[in-house]
């Protein structure tokens, strides 16, 4: 299947699970901002969880389809539509030659993933198809999509039609409207902050600023006090690290984060909190909560259980939907003898 870009949208890039293994050489991971949404979307259309998809931000693209295949919009509700008819998120739709994908505008959340059966087929760079625009690597020539681009999808399962109409049950959909606190696992550098500073961080409300992007999310609110200062010897920056420079305003480091940094980090956000954060728009209010490692591990286990459940539900849907199309005799009746007993056998091919 081919996809021709008629309108690029605000920021549409090719992303997968990221370019892991090269941070020691100064290459950022990149990848999808909402990793759980990408994984679930890929499972819904029968892909491996790490297949490449299109990440749409706020306003999605307009794409013309050549060929046929299966697609789903996972993540935020951005008004995913086909031929002007709104489909919405988390519902598999079959695409045919001449169809037009478009978006009517954001309703809840701000990042969606257009997953196609077979994945988006762009060149692999250092083990990933993800776009990292600052270095112009991966994706479509290392940049966001633009009008006139043509993308191709990979080889899809021959039984993809049986997954048409499969949808994520309401109770399994992420709740992007939740105002639950963002959970932080504090680390060794928490000692760089005064007790009053930590009390400020975990007892105050902060606002997502308009300076936030794929590299990090900046917050405005009460200043977090350091013991001596914010500067440290540069060390590695993991996904979700909460850096607090000298001005005392927290910064959550996200997909396109630099590989190392020289500011104190109070801790790291849990995976579920990263997912919640990247779907918030500028102006959103957040609070932080200190949690244990055990809580974070329990969240990851719950996420894996959700993925397994979705994969099972899809298999059940496909088995129910798939009906034999034709029954054709292969070679008529045969007679075989086993241990002196003769049997009449008919061979048929079921498609």
C-alpha atoms as a PDB file:
ATOM      1  CA  UNK A   1       0.000   0.000   0.000  1.00  0.00           C
ATOM      2  CA  UNK A   2       1.208   3.521  -0.814  1.00  0.00           C
ATOM      3  CA  UNK A   3       0.367   6.683   1.081  1.00  0.00           C
ATOM      4  CA  UNK A   4       0.686  10.068  -0.607  1.00  0.00           C
ATOM      5  CA  UNK A   5       0.846  13.093   1.682  1.00  0.00           C
ATOM      6  CA  UNK A   6      -1.706  15.726   0.638  1.00  0.00           C
ATOM      7  CA  UNK A   7      -1.357  17.761   3.843  1.00  0.00           C
ATOM      8  CA  UNK A   8       1.441  17.180   6.323  1.00  0.00           C
ATOM      9  CA  UNK A   9      -0.323  18.148   9.546  1.00  0.00           C
ATOM     10  CA  UNK A  10       1.318  20.121  12.344  1.00  0.00           C
ATOM     11  CA  UNK A  11       4.128  17.637  13.026  1.00  0.00           C
ATOM     12  CA  UNK A  12       3.909  14.156  11.525  1.00  0.00           C
ATOM     13  CA  UNK A  13       6.926  11.865  11.719  1.00  0.00           C
ATOM     14  CA  UNK A  14       7.719   8.183  11.311  1.00  0.00           C
ATOM     15  CA  UNK A  15       8.418   6.623  14.714  1.00  0.00           C
ATOM     16  CA  UNK A  16       8.939   3.176  16.211  1.00  0.00           C
ATOM     17  CA  UNK A  17      10.173   2.159  19.680  1.00  0.00           C
ATOM     18  CA  UNK A  18      13.411   4.104  19.237  1.00  0.00           C
ATOM     19  CA  UNK A  19      17.090   3.851  18.357  1.00  0.00           C
ATOM     20  CA  UNK A  20      18.445   2.037  21.389  1.00  0.00           C
ATOM     21  CA  UNK A  21      22.102   1.089  21.850  1.00  0.00           C
ATOM     22  CA  UNK A  22      23.815   4.218  20.536  1.00  0.00           C
ATOM     23  CA  UNK A  23      23.543   6.687  23.422  1.00  0.00           C
ATOM     24  CA  UNK A  24      27.176   6.010  24.344  1.00  0.00           C
ATOM     25  CA  UNK A  25      28.049   7.466  20.924  1.00  0.00           C
ATOM     26  CA  UNK A  26      25.886  10.539  21.478  1.00  0.00           C
ATOM     27  CA  UNK A  27      22.909   9.374  19.397  1.00  0.00           C
ATOM     28  CA  UNK A  28      19.533  10.054  21.089  1.00  0.00           C
ATOM     29  CA  UNK A  29      16.923   7.299  21.198  1.00  0.00           C
ATOM     30  CA  UNK A  30      13.991   9.239  19.620  1.00  0.00           C
ATOM     31  CA  UNK A  31      10.978   6.968  18.961  1.00  0.00           C
ATOM     32  CA  UNK A  32       7.319   7.382  19.823  1.00  0.00           C
ATOM     33  CA  UNK A  33       6.426   9.779  22.631  1.00  0.00           C
ATOM     34  CA  UNK A  34       3.534   7.556  23.772  1.00  0.00           C
ATOM     35  CA  UNK A  35       5.155   4.126  23.640  1.00  0.00           C
ATOM     36  CA  UNK A  36       2.212   2.161  25.125  1.00  0.00           C
ATOM     37  CA  UNK A  37      -0.165   3.607  22.510  1.00  0.00           C
ATOM     38  CA  UNK A  38       2.180   2.630  19.668  1.00  0.00           C
ATOM     39  CA  UNK A  39       2.518  -0.913  21.006  1.00  0.00           C
ATOM     40  CA  UNK A  40      -1.234  -1.399  21.355  1.00  0.00           C
ATOM     41  CA  UNK A  41      -1.938   0.083  17.919  1.00  0.00           C
ATOM     42  CA  UNK A  42       0.542  -2.282  16.311  1.00  0.00           C
ATOM     43  CA  UNK A  43      -0.945  -5.279  18.101  1.00  0.00           C
ATOM     44  CA  UNK A  44      -4.416  -4.311  16.882  1.00  0.00           C
ATOM     45  CA  UNK A  45      -3.368  -4.516  13.208  1.00  0.00           C
ATOM     46  CA  UNK A  46      -1.273  -7.655  13.648  1.00  0.00           C
ATOM     47  CA  UNK A  47       2.210  -6.105  13.703  1.00  0.00           C
ATOM     48  CA  UNK A  48       5.101  -6.640  16.047  1.00  0.00           C
ATOM     49  CA  UNK A  49       4.894  -4.013  18.786  1.00  0.00           C
ATOM     50  CA  UNK A  50       7.951  -2.201  17.418  1.00  0.00           C
ATOM     51  CA  UNK A  51       6.705  -1.642  13.862  1.00  0.00           C
ATOM     52  CA  UNK A  52       7.011   1.919  12.551  1.00  0.00           C
ATOM     53  CA  UNK A  53       3.920   4.137  12.424  1.00  0.00           C
ATOM     54  CA  UNK A  54       3.094   7.782  11.820  1.00  0.00           C
ATOM     55  CA  UNK A  55       3.072   9.976  14.927  1.00  0.00           C
ATOM     56  CA  UNK A  56       0.639  12.876  14.458  1.00  0.00           C
ATOM     57  CA  UNK A  57       0.723  15.866  16.809  1.00  0.00           C
ATOM     58  CA  UNK A  58      -2.414  17.986  17.403  1.00  0.00           C
ATOM     59  CA  UNK A  59      -3.454  18.235  13.729  1.00  0.00           C
ATOM     60  CA  UNK A  60      -2.977  15.035  11.758  1.00  0.00           C
ATOM     61  CA  UNK A  61      -2.050  14.684   8.080  1.00  0.00           C
ATOM     62  CA  UNK A  62      -4.197  14.090   5.005  1.00  0.00           C
ATOM     63  CA  UNK A  63      -3.119  10.962   3.142  1.00  0.00           C
ATOM     64  CA  UNK A  64      -4.281   9.473  -0.145  1.00  0.00           C
ATOM     65  CA  UNK A  65      -4.290   5.668  -0.289  1.00  0.00           C
ATOM     66  CA  UNK A  66      -3.138   3.541  -3.209  1.00  0.00           C
ATOM     67  CA  UNK A  67      -3.792  -0.155  -2.750  1.00  0.00           C
ATOM     68  CA  UNK A  68      -5.523  -1.743   0.200  1.00  0.00           C
ATOM     69  CA  UNK A  69      -4.747  -2.652   3.774  1.00  0.00           C
ATOM     70  CA  UNK A  70      -5.634  -2.310   7.445  1.00  0.00           C
ATOM     71  CA  UNK A  71      -5.089   0.704   9.699  1.00  0.00           C
ATOM     72  CA  UNK A  72      -5.906   1.983  13.175  1.00  0.00           C
ATOM     73  CA  UNK A  73      -5.436   5.314  14.908  1.00  0.00           C
ATOM     74  CA  UNK A  74      -4.067   4.677  18.398  1.00  0.00           C
ATOM     75  CA  UNK A  75      -3.592   7.239  21.123  1.00  0.00           C
ATOM     76  CA  UNK A  76      -5.219  10.663  21.249  1.00  0.00           C
ATOM     77  CA  UNK A  77      -8.646  11.421  19.784  1.00  0.00           C
ATOM     78  CA  UNK A  78      -7.694  13.697  16.885  1.00  0.00           C
ATOM     79  CA  UNK A  79     -10.764  13.022  14.743  1.00  0.00           C
ATOM     80  CA  UNK A  80      -9.301  10.226  12.576  1.00  0.00           C
ATOM     81  CA  UNK A  81     -11.490  10.008   9.455  1.00  0.00           C
ATOM     82  CA  UNK A  82     -11.664   8.085   6.174  1.00  0.00           C
ATOM     83  CA  UNK A  83     -13.329   9.759   3.194  1.00  0.00           C
ATOM     84  CA  UNK A  84     -14.747  12.402   5.516  1.00  0.00           C
ATOM     85  CA  UNK A  85     -16.414   9.892   7.836  1.00  0.00           C
ATOM     86  CA  UNK A  86     -15.033  10.040  11.368  1.00  0.00           C
ATOM     87  CA  UNK A  87     -13.773   6.678  12.572  1.00  0.00           C
ATOM     88  CA  UNK A  88     -12.125   7.754  15.797  1.00  0.00           C
ATOM     89  CA  UNK A  89      -9.323   6.055  17.678  1.00  0.00           C
ATOM     90  CA  UNK A  90      -8.841   2.398  18.599  1.00  0.00           C
ATOM     91  CA  UNK A  91     -10.959   0.937  15.772  1.00  0.00           C
ATOM     92  CA  UNK A  92      -9.482  -1.088  12.890  1.00  0.00           C
ATOM     93  CA  UNK A  93     -10.537   0.119   9.464  1.00  0.00           C
ATOM     94  CA  UNK A  94      -9.955  -1.454   6.042  1.00  0.00           C
ATOM     95  CA  UNK A  95      -8.537   0.936   3.451  1.00  0.00           C
ATOM     96  CA  UNK A  96      -8.998   0.609  -0.294  1.00  0.00           C
ATOM     97  CA  UNK A  97      -7.604   2.254  -3.382  1.00  0.00           C
ATOM     98  CA  UNK A  98      -8.545   5.941  -3.543  1.00  0.00           C
ATOM     99  CA  UNK A  99      -9.442   6.361   0.145  1.00  0.00           C
ATOM    100  CA  UNK A 100      -8.400   9.566   1.874  1.00  0.00           C
ATOM    101  CA  UNK A 101      -7.294   9.658   5.519  1.00  0.00           C
ATOM    102  CA  UNK A 102      -7.803  12.960   7.330  1.00  0.00           C
ATOM    103  CA  UNK A 103      -8.275  14.389  10.824  1.00  0.00           C
ATOM    104  CA  UNK A 104     -11.021  16.692  12.088  1.00  0.00           C
ATOM    105  CA  UNK A 105      -9.095  18.066  15.081  1.00  0.00           C
ATOM    106  CA  UNK A 106      -8.098  17.216  18.659  1.00  0.00           C
ATOM    107  CA  UNK A 107     -10.707  16.195  21.223  1.00  0.00           C
ATOM    108  CA  UNK A 108      -8.636  14.493  23.913  1.00  0.00           C
ATOM    109  CA  UNK A 109      -4.866  14.192  24.067  1.00  0.00           C
ATOM    110  CA  UNK A 110      -2.454  15.542  21.477  1.00  0.00           C
ATOM    111  CA  UNK A 111      -0.463  12.634  19.986  1.00  0.00           C
ATOM    112  CA  UNK A 112      -1.880   9.831  17.861  1.00  0.00           C
ATOM    113  CA  UNK A 113      -0.296   6.913  16.011  1.00  0.00           C
ATOM    114  CA  UNK A 114      -1.534   5.830  12.594  1.00  0.00           C
ATOM    115  CA  UNK A 115      -0.567   2.170  12.497  1.00  0.00           C
ATOM    116  CA  UNK A 116      -0.776   0.207   9.254  1.00  0.00           C
ATOM    117  CA  UNK A 117      -0.650  -3.565   8.875  1.00  0.00           C
ATOM    118  CA  UNK A 118       2.907  -4.263   7.758  1.00  0.00           C
ATOM    119  CA  UNK A 119       4.223  -1.051   9.328  1.00  0.00           C
ATOM    120  CA  UNK A 120       5.588   2.040   7.596  1.00  0.00           C
ATOM    121  CA  UNK A 121       8.479   0.874   5.420  1.00  0.00           C
ATOM    122  CA  UNK A 122      11.302   3.410   5.475  1.00  0.00           C
ATOM    123  CA  UNK A 123      15.060   2.673   5.614  1.00  0.00           C
ATOM    124  CA  UNK A 124      16.425   1.362   8.907  1.00  0.00           C
ATOM    125  CA  UNK A 125      19.120   3.617  10.370  1.00  0.00           C
ATOM    126  CA  UNK A 126      21.113   2.208  13.297  1.00  0.00           C
ATOM    127  CA  UNK A 127      18.468  -0.392  14.016  1.00  0.00           C
ATOM    128  CA  UNK A 128      15.452   1.920  13.906  1.00  0.00           C
ATOM    129  CA  UNK A 129      13.095   3.688  11.499  1.00  0.00           C
ATOM    130  CA  UNK A 130      12.451   6.502  14.000  1.00  0.00           C
ATOM    131  CA  UNK A 131      12.861  10.112  12.929  1.00  0.00           C
ATOM    132  CA  UNK A 132      15.294  12.309  14.844  1.00  0.00           C
ATOM    133  CA  UNK A 133      14.891  15.680  13.186  1.00  0.00           C
ATOM    134  CA  UNK A 134      17.756  17.493  14.956  1.00  0.00           C
ATOM    135  CA  UNK A 135      20.310  15.169  13.329  1.00  0.00           C
ATOM    136  CA  UNK A 136      18.197  14.533  10.203  1.00  0.00           C
ATOM    137  CA  UNK A 137      18.295  10.753  10.532  1.00  0.00           C
ATOM    138  CA  UNK A 138      15.644   8.063  10.163  1.00  0.00           C
ATOM    139  CA  UNK A 139      12.068   8.311   8.979  1.00  0.00           C
ATOM    140  CA  UNK A 140      11.443  10.220   5.756  1.00  0.00           C
ATOM    141  CA  UNK A 141      14.812  11.833   5.015  1.00  0.00           C
ATOM    142  CA  UNK A 142      15.244  12.644   8.702  1.00  0.00           C
ATOM    143  CA  UNK A 143      12.438  15.207   8.786  1.00  0.00           C
ATOM    144  CA  UNK A 144       8.740  15.650   9.397  1.00  0.00           C
ATOM    145  CA  UNK A 145       6.451  14.719   6.510  1.00  0.00           C
ATOM    146  CA  UNK A 146       5.708  17.324   3.857  1.00  0.00           C
ATOM    147  CA  UNK A 147       3.191  17.589   1.028  1.00  0.00           C
ATOM    148  CA  UNK A 148       4.083  15.272  -1.856  1.00  0.00           C
ATOM    149  CA  UNK A 149       5.888  12.625   0.187  1.00  0.00           C
ATOM    150  CA  UNK A 150       5.060   9.028  -0.737  1.00  0.00           C
ATOM    151  CA  UNK A 151       5.339   6.312   1.898  1.00  0.00           C
ATOM    152  CA  UNK A 152       4.959   2.574   1.520  1.00  0.00           C
ATOM    153  CA  UNK A 153       3.810   0.003   4.015  1.00  0.00           C
ATOM    154  CA  UNK A 154       5.486  -3.337   4.575  1.00  0.00           C
ATOM    155  CA  UNK A 155       4.124  -6.772   3.803  1.00  0.00           C
ATOM    156  CA  UNK A 156       0.928  -7.374   5.751  1.00  0.00           C
ATOM    157  CA  UNK A 157      -0.498 -10.678   6.907  1.00  0.00           C
ATOM    158  CA  UNK A 158      -2.593 -12.310   4.182  1.00  0.00           C
ATOM    159  CA  UNK A 159      -5.487 -12.585   6.675  1.00  0.00           C
ATOM    160  CA  UNK A 160      -5.567  -8.878   7.547  1.00  0.00           C
ATOM    161  CA  UNK A 161      -9.200  -8.516   6.443  1.00  0.00           C
ATOM    162  CA  UNK A 162     -10.358 -10.690   9.332  1.00  0.00           C
ATOM    163  CA  UNK A 163      -9.221  -7.973  11.784  1.00  0.00           C
ATOM    164  CA  UNK A 164     -11.397  -5.265  10.220  1.00  0.00           C
ATOM    165  CA  UNK A 165     -13.788  -3.791  12.782  1.00  0.00           C
ATOM    166  CA  UNK A 166     -11.808  -4.963  15.808  1.00  0.00           C
ATOM    167  CA  UNK A 167     -11.855  -2.257  18.477  1.00  0.00           C
ATOM    168  CA  UNK A 168     -10.300  -1.753  21.874  1.00  0.00           C
ATOM    169  CA  UNK A 169     -12.908  -2.222  24.625  1.00  0.00           C
ATOM    170  CA  UNK A 170     -13.711   1.019  26.416  1.00  0.00           C
ATOM    171  CA  UNK A 171     -12.361  -0.219  29.732  1.00  0.00           C
ATOM    172  CA  UNK A 172      -8.951  -0.895  28.150  1.00  0.00           C
ATOM    173  CA  UNK A 173      -8.532   2.513  26.511  1.00  0.00           C
ATOM    174  CA  UNK A 174      -6.032   4.928  28.109  1.00  0.00           C
ATOM    175  CA  UNK A 175      -7.626   7.726  30.122  1.00  0.00           C
ATOM    176  CA  UNK A 176      -5.983  10.867  28.786  1.00  0.00           C
ATOM    177  CA  UNK A 177      -8.334  13.091  30.802  1.00  0.00           C
ATOM    178  CA  UNK A 178      -7.096  11.784  34.129  1.00  0.00           C
ATOM    179  CA  UNK A 179      -5.699  14.320  36.591  1.00  0.00           C
ATOM    180  CA  UNK A 180      -3.831  11.706  38.616  1.00  0.00           C
ATOM    181  CA  UNK A 181      -0.397  12.923  39.885  1.00  0.00           C
ATOM    182  CA  UNK A 182       2.663  12.120  37.797  1.00  0.00           C
ATOM    183  CA  UNK A 183       4.656   9.486  39.663  1.00  0.00           C
ATOM    184  CA  UNK A 184       8.379   9.962  40.282  1.00  0.00           C
ATOM    185  CA  UNK A 185      10.861   7.355  41.504  1.00  0.00           C
ATOM    186  CA  UNK A 186      13.432   9.452  43.354  1.00  0.00           C
ATOM    187  CA  UNK A 187      17.097   8.649  42.821  1.00  0.00           C
ATOM    188  CA  UNK A 188      20.561   9.274  44.242  1.00  0.00           C
ATOM    189  CA  UNK A 189      20.533  12.947  43.244  1.00  0.00           C
ATOM    190  CA  UNK A 190      17.522  13.741  45.426  1.00  0.00           C
ATOM    191  CA  UNK A 191      20.120  14.657  48.058  1.00  0.00           C
ATOM    192  CA  UNK A 192      20.962  17.697  45.927  1.00  0.00           C
ATOM    193  CA  UNK A 193      17.658  19.255  47.029  1.00  0.00           C
ATOM    194  CA  UNK A 194      16.669  20.573  50.432  1.00  0.00           C
ATOM    195  CA  UNK A 195      13.824  18.982  52.342  1.00  0.00           C
ATOM    196  CA  UNK A 196      11.886  22.180  51.751  1.00  0.00           C
ATOM    197  CA  UNK A 197      12.623  21.924  48.039  1.00  0.00           C
ATOM    198  CA  UNK A 198      11.342  18.346  47.834  1.00  0.00           C
ATOM    199  CA  UNK A 199       8.260  19.327  49.826  1.00  0.00           C
ATOM    200  CA  UNK A 200       7.658  22.107  47.293  1.00  0.00           C
ATOM    201  CA  UNK A 201       7.971  19.740  44.317  1.00  0.00           C
ATOM    202  CA  UNK A 202       5.641  17.098  45.727  1.00  0.00           C
ATOM    203  CA  UNK A 203       3.195  19.528  47.298  1.00  0.00           C
ATOM    204  CA  UNK A 204       2.666  22.075  44.513  1.00  0.00           C
ATOM    205  CA  UNK A 205       0.822  22.405  41.233  1.00  0.00           C
ATOM    206  CA  UNK A 206       2.803  22.978  38.026  1.00  0.00           C
ATOM    207  CA  UNK A 207       1.797  24.066  34.521  1.00  0.00           C
ATOM    208  CA  UNK A 208       2.967  22.525  31.217  1.00  0.00           C
ATOM    209  CA  UNK A 209       4.533  25.370  29.228  1.00  0.00           C
ATOM    210  CA  UNK A 210       4.421  26.108  25.494  1.00  0.00           C
ATOM    211  CA  UNK A 211       8.202  25.532  25.338  1.00  0.00           C
ATOM    212  CA  UNK A 212       7.649  21.787  25.652  1.00  0.00           C
ATOM    213  CA  UNK A 213       8.512  19.559  22.671  1.00  0.00           C
ATOM    214  CA  UNK A 214       9.682  16.036  21.830  1.00  0.00           C
ATOM    215  CA  UNK A 215      12.930  16.658  23.683  1.00  0.00           C
ATOM    216  CA  UNK A 216      11.382  17.585  27.016  1.00  0.00           C
ATOM    217  CA  UNK A 217       8.422  19.016  28.878  1.00  0.00           C
ATOM    218  CA  UNK A 218       8.999  22.234  30.815  1.00  0.00           C
ATOM    219  CA  UNK A 219       6.932  23.169  33.843  1.00  0.00           C
ATOM    220  CA  UNK A 220       6.168  26.456  35.547  1.00  0.00           C
ATOM    221  CA  UNK A 221       5.400  26.727  39.244  1.00  0.00           C
ATOM    222  CA  UNK A 222       7.074  27.158  42.622  1.00  0.00           C
ATOM    223  CA  UNK A 223      10.875  26.970  42.472  1.00  0.00           C
ATOM    224  CA  UNK A 224      12.513  23.824  43.872  1.00  0.00           C
ATOM    225  CA  UNK A 225      15.399  24.684  46.199  1.00  0.00           C
ATOM    226  CA  UNK A 226      18.850  23.079  45.826  1.00  0.00           C
ATOM    227  CA  UNK A 227      21.272  22.408  48.683  1.00  0.00           C
ATOM    228  CA  UNK A 228      24.293  23.951  46.932  1.00  0.00           C
ATOM    229  CA  UNK A 229      23.643  24.310  43.229  1.00  0.00           C
ATOM    230  CA  UNK A 230      22.228  22.596  40.149  1.00  0.00           C
ATOM    231  CA  UNK A 231      25.458  21.744  38.318  1.00  0.00           C
ATOM    232  CA  UNK A 232      26.887  18.221  38.412  1.00  0.00           C
ATOM    233  CA  UNK A 233      29.372  16.225  36.356  1.00  0.00           C
ATOM    234  CA  UNK A 234      27.406  15.267  33.231  1.00  0.00           C
ATOM    235  CA  UNK A 235      25.865  11.816  33.347  1.00  0.00           C
ATOM    236  CA  UNK A 236      23.343   9.756  31.395  1.00  0.00           C
ATOM    237  CA  UNK A 237      19.737  10.954  30.996  1.00  0.00           C
ATOM    238  CA  UNK A 238      17.154   8.154  31.013  1.00  0.00           C
ATOM    239  CA  UNK A 239      13.683   8.474  29.540  1.00  0.00           C
ATOM    240  CA  UNK A 240      11.437  10.367  31.939  1.00  0.00           C
ATOM    241  CA  UNK A 241      14.266  11.885  34.006  1.00  0.00           C
ATOM    242  CA  UNK A 242      13.102  14.995  35.889  1.00  0.00           C
ATOM    243  CA  UNK A 243      15.892  17.550  35.653  1.00  0.00           C
ATOM    244  CA  UNK A 244      15.847  20.675  37.808  1.00  0.00           C
ATOM    245  CA  UNK A 245      18.325  23.362  36.660  1.00  0.00           C
ATOM    246  CA  UNK A 246      19.365  26.394  38.677  1.00  0.00           C
ATOM    247  CA  UNK A 247      16.099  28.271  38.091  1.00  0.00           C
ATOM    248  CA  UNK A 248      14.282  25.568  40.054  1.00  0.00           C
ATOM    249  CA  UNK A 249      11.703  24.674  37.393  1.00  0.00           C
ATOM    250  CA  UNK A 250      11.357  20.929  36.621  1.00  0.00           C
ATOM    251  CA  UNK A 251      11.947  19.570  33.105  1.00  0.00           C
ATOM    252  CA  UNK A 252      10.853  16.028  32.173  1.00  0.00           C
ATOM    253  CA  UNK A 253      13.169  14.541  29.562  1.00  0.00           C
ATOM    254  CA  UNK A 254      11.342  12.753  26.745  1.00  0.00           C
ATOM    255  CA  UNK A 255      11.941  10.814  23.507  1.00  0.00           C
ATOM    256  CA  UNK A 256      14.363  13.216  21.759  1.00  0.00           C
ATOM    257  CA  UNK A 257      16.317  13.994  24.951  1.00  0.00           C
ATOM    258  CA  UNK A 258      20.077  14.486  24.806  1.00  0.00           C
ATOM    259  CA  UNK A 259      22.167  11.527  25.913  1.00  0.00           C
ATOM    260  CA  UNK A 260      23.885  13.265  28.866  1.00  0.00           C
ATOM    261  CA  UNK A 261      23.299  16.347  30.973  1.00  0.00           C
ATOM    262  CA  UNK A 262      24.898  18.333  33.757  1.00  0.00           C
ATOM    263  CA  UNK A 263      21.887  19.327  35.872  1.00  0.00           C
ATOM    264  CA  UNK A 264      20.586  17.566  38.969  1.00  0.00           C
ATOM    265  CA  UNK A 265      17.798  15.031  38.478  1.00  0.00           C
ATOM    266  CA  UNK A 266      15.362  14.460  41.319  1.00  0.00           C
ATOM    267  CA  UNK A 267      14.191  11.150  39.851  1.00  0.00           C
ATOM    268  CA  UNK A 268      12.472   9.459  36.911  1.00  0.00           C
ATOM    269  CA  UNK A 269       8.817   9.337  35.889  1.00  0.00           C
ATOM    270  CA  UNK A 270       7.156   5.943  35.664  1.00  0.00           C
ATOM    271  CA  UNK A 271       6.178   4.691  32.190  1.00  0.00           C
ATOM    272  CA  UNK A 272       2.467   5.286  32.828  1.00  0.00           C
ATOM    273  CA  UNK A 273       3.190   8.847  33.936  1.00  0.00           C
ATOM    274  CA  UNK A 274       5.285   9.505  30.827  1.00  0.00           C
ATOM    275  CA  UNK A 275       2.330   8.356  28.720  1.00  0.00           C
ATOM    276  CA  UNK A 276      -0.014  10.663  30.622  1.00  0.00           C
ATOM    277  CA  UNK A 277       2.374  13.623  30.344  1.00  0.00           C
ATOM    278  CA  UNK A 278       3.043  13.440  26.596  1.00  0.00           C
ATOM    279  CA  UNK A 279      -0.709  13.635  25.925  1.00  0.00           C
ATOM    280  CA  UNK A 280      -1.096  16.900  27.865  1.00  0.00           C
ATOM    281  CA  UNK A 281      -1.279  20.226  26.038  1.00  0.00           C
ATOM    282  CA  UNK A 282       0.397  23.490  27.113  1.00  0.00           C
ATOM    283  CA  UNK A 283      -1.512  25.020  30.000  1.00  0.00           C
ATOM    284  CA  UNK A 284      -2.381  21.682  31.572  1.00  0.00           C
ATOM    285  CA  UNK A 285      -1.963  21.465  35.341  1.00  0.00           C
ATOM    286  CA  UNK A 286      -0.027  18.606  36.946  1.00  0.00           C
ATOM    287  CA  UNK A 287       1.132  17.448  40.356  1.00  0.00           C
ATOM    288  CA  UNK A 288       3.946  15.079  41.269  1.00  0.00           C
ATOM    289  CA  UNK A 289       3.894  12.107  43.618  1.00  0.00           C
ATOM    290  CA  UNK A 290       6.855  10.182  45.033  1.00  0.00           C
ATOM    291  CA  UNK A 291       6.503   6.408  44.571  1.00  0.00           C
ATOM    292  CA  UNK A 292       8.579   3.291  45.164  1.00  0.00           C
ATOM    293  CA  UNK A 293      10.371   1.131  42.619  1.00  0.00           C
ATOM    294  CA  UNK A 294       7.843  -1.614  43.376  1.00  0.00           C
ATOM    295  CA  UNK A 295       5.001   0.659  42.238  1.00  0.00           C
ATOM    296  CA  UNK A 296       6.786   1.394  38.959  1.00  0.00           C
ATOM    297  CA  UNK A 297       7.462  -2.306  38.342  1.00  0.00           C
ATOM    298  CA  UNK A 298       3.810  -3.117  39.033  1.00  0.00           C
ATOM    299  CA  UNK A 299       2.800  -0.541  36.403  1.00  0.00           C
ATOM    300  CA  UNK A 300       5.081  -2.170  33.829  1.00  0.00           C
ATOM    301  CA  UNK A 301       3.655  -5.600  34.602  1.00  0.00           C
ATOM    302  CA  UNK A 302       0.136  -4.252  34.199  1.00  0.00           C
ATOM    303  CA  UNK A 303       1.106  -2.751  30.841  1.00  0.00           C
ATOM    304  CA  UNK A 304       2.489  -6.095  29.637  1.00  0.00           C
ATOM    305  CA  UNK A 305      -0.678  -7.860  30.792  1.00  0.00           C
ATOM    306  CA  UNK A 306      -2.734  -5.324  28.843  1.00  0.00           C
ATOM    307  CA  UNK A 307      -0.723  -6.001  25.692  1.00  0.00           C
ATOM    308  CA  UNK A 308      -1.210  -9.750  26.097  1.00  0.00           C
ATOM    309  CA  UNK A 309      -4.945  -9.238  26.607  1.00  0.00           C
ATOM    310  CA  UNK A 310      -5.281  -7.076  23.485  1.00  0.00           C
ATOM    311  CA  UNK A 311      -3.351  -9.619  21.416  1.00  0.00           C
ATOM    312  CA  UNK A 312      -5.687 -12.347  22.684  1.00  0.00           C
ATOM    313  CA  UNK A 313      -8.820 -10.315  21.969  1.00  0.00           C
ATOM    314  CA  UNK A 314      -7.613  -9.646  18.430  1.00  0.00           C
ATOM    315  CA  UNK A 315      -6.953 -13.339  17.826  1.00  0.00           C
ATOM    316  CA  UNK A 316     -10.438 -14.203  19.074  1.00  0.00           C
ATOM    317  CA  UNK A 317     -11.993 -11.538  16.825  1.00  0.00           C
ATOM    318  CA  UNK A 318     -10.083 -12.782  13.764  1.00  0.00           C
ATOM    319  CA  UNK A 319     -11.021 -16.406  14.426  1.00  0.00           C
ATOM    320  CA  UNK A 320     -14.665 -15.431  14.718  1.00  0.00           C
ATOM    321  CA  UNK A 321     -14.585 -13.203  11.627  1.00  0.00           C
ATOM    322  CA  UNK A 322     -12.695 -15.559   9.346  1.00  0.00           C
ATOM    323  CA  UNK A 323     -15.093 -17.866   7.479  1.00  0.00           C
ATOM    324  CA  UNK A 324     -14.102 -20.335   4.763  1.00  0.00           C
ATOM    325  CA  UNK A 325     -14.470 -18.628   1.408  1.00  0.00           C
ATOM    326  CA  UNK A 326     -14.421 -21.725  -0.767  1.00  0.00           C
ATOM    327  CA  UNK A 327     -14.292 -25.481  -0.332  1.00  0.00           C
ATOM    328  CA  UNK A 328     -12.748 -27.169  -3.369  1.00  0.00           C
ATOM    329  CA  UNK A 329     -12.101 -30.901  -3.814  1.00  0.00           C
ATOM    330  CA  UNK A 330      -8.452 -31.690  -4.475  1.00  0.00           C
ATOM    331  CA  UNK A 331      -8.557 -35.147  -5.942  1.00  0.00           C
ATOM    332  CA  UNK A 332     -11.935 -36.731  -5.250  1.00  0.00           C
ATOM    333  CA  UNK A 333     -12.305 -39.844  -3.143  1.00  0.00           C
ATOM    334  CA  UNK A 334      -9.391 -41.974  -2.047  1.00  0.00           C
ATOM    335  CA  UNK A 335      -9.314 -45.433  -0.489  1.00  0.00           C
ATOM    336  CA  UNK A 336      -6.576 -46.245   1.989  1.00  0.00           C
ATOM    337  CA  UNK A 337      -5.970 -49.353   4.048  1.00  0.00           C
ATOM    338  CA  UNK A 338      -4.555 -49.249   7.566  1.00  0.00           C
ATOM    339  CA  UNK A 339      -3.898 -52.470   9.466  1.00  0.00           C
ATOM    340  CA  UNK A 340      -6.135 -54.364   7.091  1.00  0.00           C
ATOM    341  CA  UNK A 341      -9.046 -51.902   7.433  1.00  0.00           C
ATOM    342  CA  UNK A 342     -10.075 -49.877   4.358  1.00  0.00           C
ATOM    343  CA  UNK A 343     -11.245 -46.253   4.555  1.00  0.00           C
ATOM    344  CA  UNK A 344     -12.817 -43.966   1.982  1.00  0.00           C
ATOM    345  CA  UNK A 345     -11.278 -40.469   2.255  1.00  0.00           C
ATOM    346  CA  UNK A 346     -12.211 -37.178   0.591  1.00  0.00           C
ATOM    347  CA  UNK A 347      -9.545 -34.416   0.427  1.00  0.00           C
ATOM    348  CA  UNK A 348     -10.655 -30.775   0.298  1.00  0.00           C
ATOM    349  CA  UNK A 349      -8.818 -27.452   0.323  1.00  0.00           C
ATOM    350  CA  UNK A 350     -10.341 -24.828   2.602  1.00  0.00           C
ATOM    351  CA  UNK A 351      -9.414 -21.199   1.932  1.00  0.00           C
END
